[in-house]
Amino acid sequence: MQQDVVCEFRPYESCSPFTAVEEYSAENQGFEVFPNPARANAPLSLRWDGMDVEQVNIFDLHGRLTSQHMPVPGANNLDVRIETPGIYWVYLHGQGRSRAEKVVVWGQ
């Protein structure tokens, strides 16, 4: 069964077949990914505040889960590596909420 995705043009919002998280919503403030763009296989630092993060998921543009991380309880940062160049979505999950940031990873 194929699912059609319909998107309206709304500046500063993201439309994706696998999520409804808005990229630039006020709720995403307090979450940063750096450096962005990042070099493939180099450390990528995630920093957040305002929520207890239980899980970090990284998806490629096709909606495939590429990695999953469980931060130390109470932590407000995590360093990860993405090996393959491309565009990714990094999602923080915790306390019944989610935050997302887009990350560009370039060649090695």
Protein backbone atom coordinates (compact mmCIF):
# COMPACT_ATOMS: atom_id res chain seq x y z
CA MET A 1 0.00 0.00 0.00
CA GLN A 2 1.53 3.30 -1.08
CA GLN A 3 0.89 6.35 1.06
CA ASP A 4 0.70 9.74 -0.64
CA VAL A 5 2.26 12.68 1.16
CA VAL A 6 0.66 16.06 0.64
CA CYS A 7 2.61 19.15 1.64
CA GLU A 8 1.51 22.75 1.69
CA PHE A 9 4.19 25.40 1.29
CA ARG A 10 4.72 26.92 4.71
CA PRO A 11 8.02 28.74 5.26
CA TYR A 12 10.04 27.49 8.21
CA GLU A 13 8.22 24.16 8.45
CA SER A 14 9.27 20.72 7.42
CA CYS A 15 7.06 18.18 5.69
CA SER A 16 8.16 14.58 5.73
CA PRO A 17 6.49 11.21 5.08
CA PHE A 18 7.78 9.79 8.37
CA THR A 19 7.23 12.56 10.89
CA ALA A 20 5.30 15.68 11.68
CA VAL A 21 7.99 17.53 13.63
CA GLU A 22 8.42 21.15 12.60
CA GLU A 23 12.06 22.00 12.01
CA TYR A 24 11.95 25.62 13.19
CA SER A 25 9.27 25.53 15.88
CA ALA A 26 9.80 27.33 19.16
CA GLU A 27 9.78 23.92 20.85
CA ASN A 28 13.07 23.04 19.09
CA GLN A 29 14.92 25.94 20.66
CA GLY A 30 17.49 24.68 23.13
CA PHE A 31 18.67 21.89 20.81
CA GLU A 32 21.77 22.37 18.70
CA VAL A 33 23.93 20.16 16.52
CA PHE A 34 27.47 21.26 15.70
CA PRO A 35 29.38 21.49 13.56
CA ASN A 36 26.67 21.66 10.91
CA PRO A 37 27.57 20.96 8.17
CA ALA A 38 29.80 18.21 9.52
CA ARG A 39 32.51 16.08 7.99
CA ALA A 40 31.72 12.35 7.60
CA ASN A 41 33.01 10.20 10.47
CA ALA A 42 34.06 13.25 12.53
CA PRO A 43 32.60 13.91 15.99
CA LEU A 44 29.19 15.58 15.90
CA SER A 45 28.10 17.20 19.16
CA LEU A 46 24.46 17.32 20.23
CA ARG A 47 23.51 19.73 23.02
CA TRP A 48 20.06 20.34 24.51
CA ASP A 49 18.30 21.87 27.45
CA GLY A 50 14.75 21.97 28.75
CA MET A 51 14.04 18.24 28.56
CA ASP A 52 15.31 14.89 29.84
CA VAL A 53 16.33 13.01 26.69
CA GLU A 54 15.77 9.26 26.82
CA GLN A 55 16.66 8.41 23.22
CA VAL A 56 18.40 9.96 20.20
CA ASN A 57 17.52 8.65 16.74
CA ILE A 58 19.23 9.59 13.48
CA PHE A 59 17.34 9.09 10.20
CA ASP A 60 18.46 9.56 6.61
CA LEU A 61 16.29 11.41 4.09
CA HIS A 62 14.57 8.15 3.12
CA GLY A 63 13.28 7.75 6.67
CA ARG A 64 15.64 4.88 7.50
CA LEU A 65 16.93 4.73 11.05
CA THR A 66 20.72 4.91 10.72
CA SER A 67 21.64 4.98 14.42
CA GLN A 68 20.07 5.01 17.85
CA HIS A 69 21.63 6.25 21.09
CA MET A 70 20.60 6.24 24.75
CA PRO A 71 22.15 9.21 26.59
CA VAL A 72 23.14 8.92 30.24
CA PRO A 73 20.09 9.93 32.35
CA GLY A 74 20.28 13.62 33.25
CA ALA A 75 22.87 14.39 30.55
CA ASN A 76 22.42 17.38 28.26
CA ASN A 77 24.87 16.39 25.51
CA LEU A 78 26.01 13.49 23.36
CA ASP A 79 28.76 13.06 20.77
CA VAL A 80 28.00 10.84 17.75
CA ARG A 81 29.53 10.05 14.36
CA ILE A 82 27.80 9.73 11.00
CA GLU A 83 29.92 7.78 8.52
CA THR A 84 28.14 8.36 5.20
CA PRO A 85 27.77 11.80 3.57
CA GLY A 86 24.18 12.99 3.17
CA ILE A 87 21.38 14.87 4.87
CA TYR A 88 20.05 13.50 8.15
CA TRP A 89 17.43 14.26 10.80
CA VAL A 90 18.51 13.99 14.43
CA TYR A 91 15.59 13.44 16.83
CA LEU A 92 15.61 13.78 20.60
CA HIS A 93 12.86 11.90 22.45
CA GLY A 94 11.93 12.27 26.10
CA GLN A 95 9.14 13.23 28.47
CA GLY A 96 6.57 12.52 25.76
CA ARG A 97 8.11 15.18 23.47
CA SER A 98 10.43 15.22 20.47
CA ARG A 99 12.81 17.75 18.99
CA ALA A 100 14.48 17.55 15.59
CA GLU A 101 17.36 19.17 13.73
CA LYS A 102 18.54 18.66 10.15
CA VAL A 103 22.25 17.86 9.70
CA VAL A 104 24.32 17.97 6.52
CA VAL A 105 27.28 15.55 6.42
CA TRP A 106 29.84 16.02 3.65
CA GLY A 107 32.60 13.83 2.13
CA GLN A 108 35.51 12.25 3.91
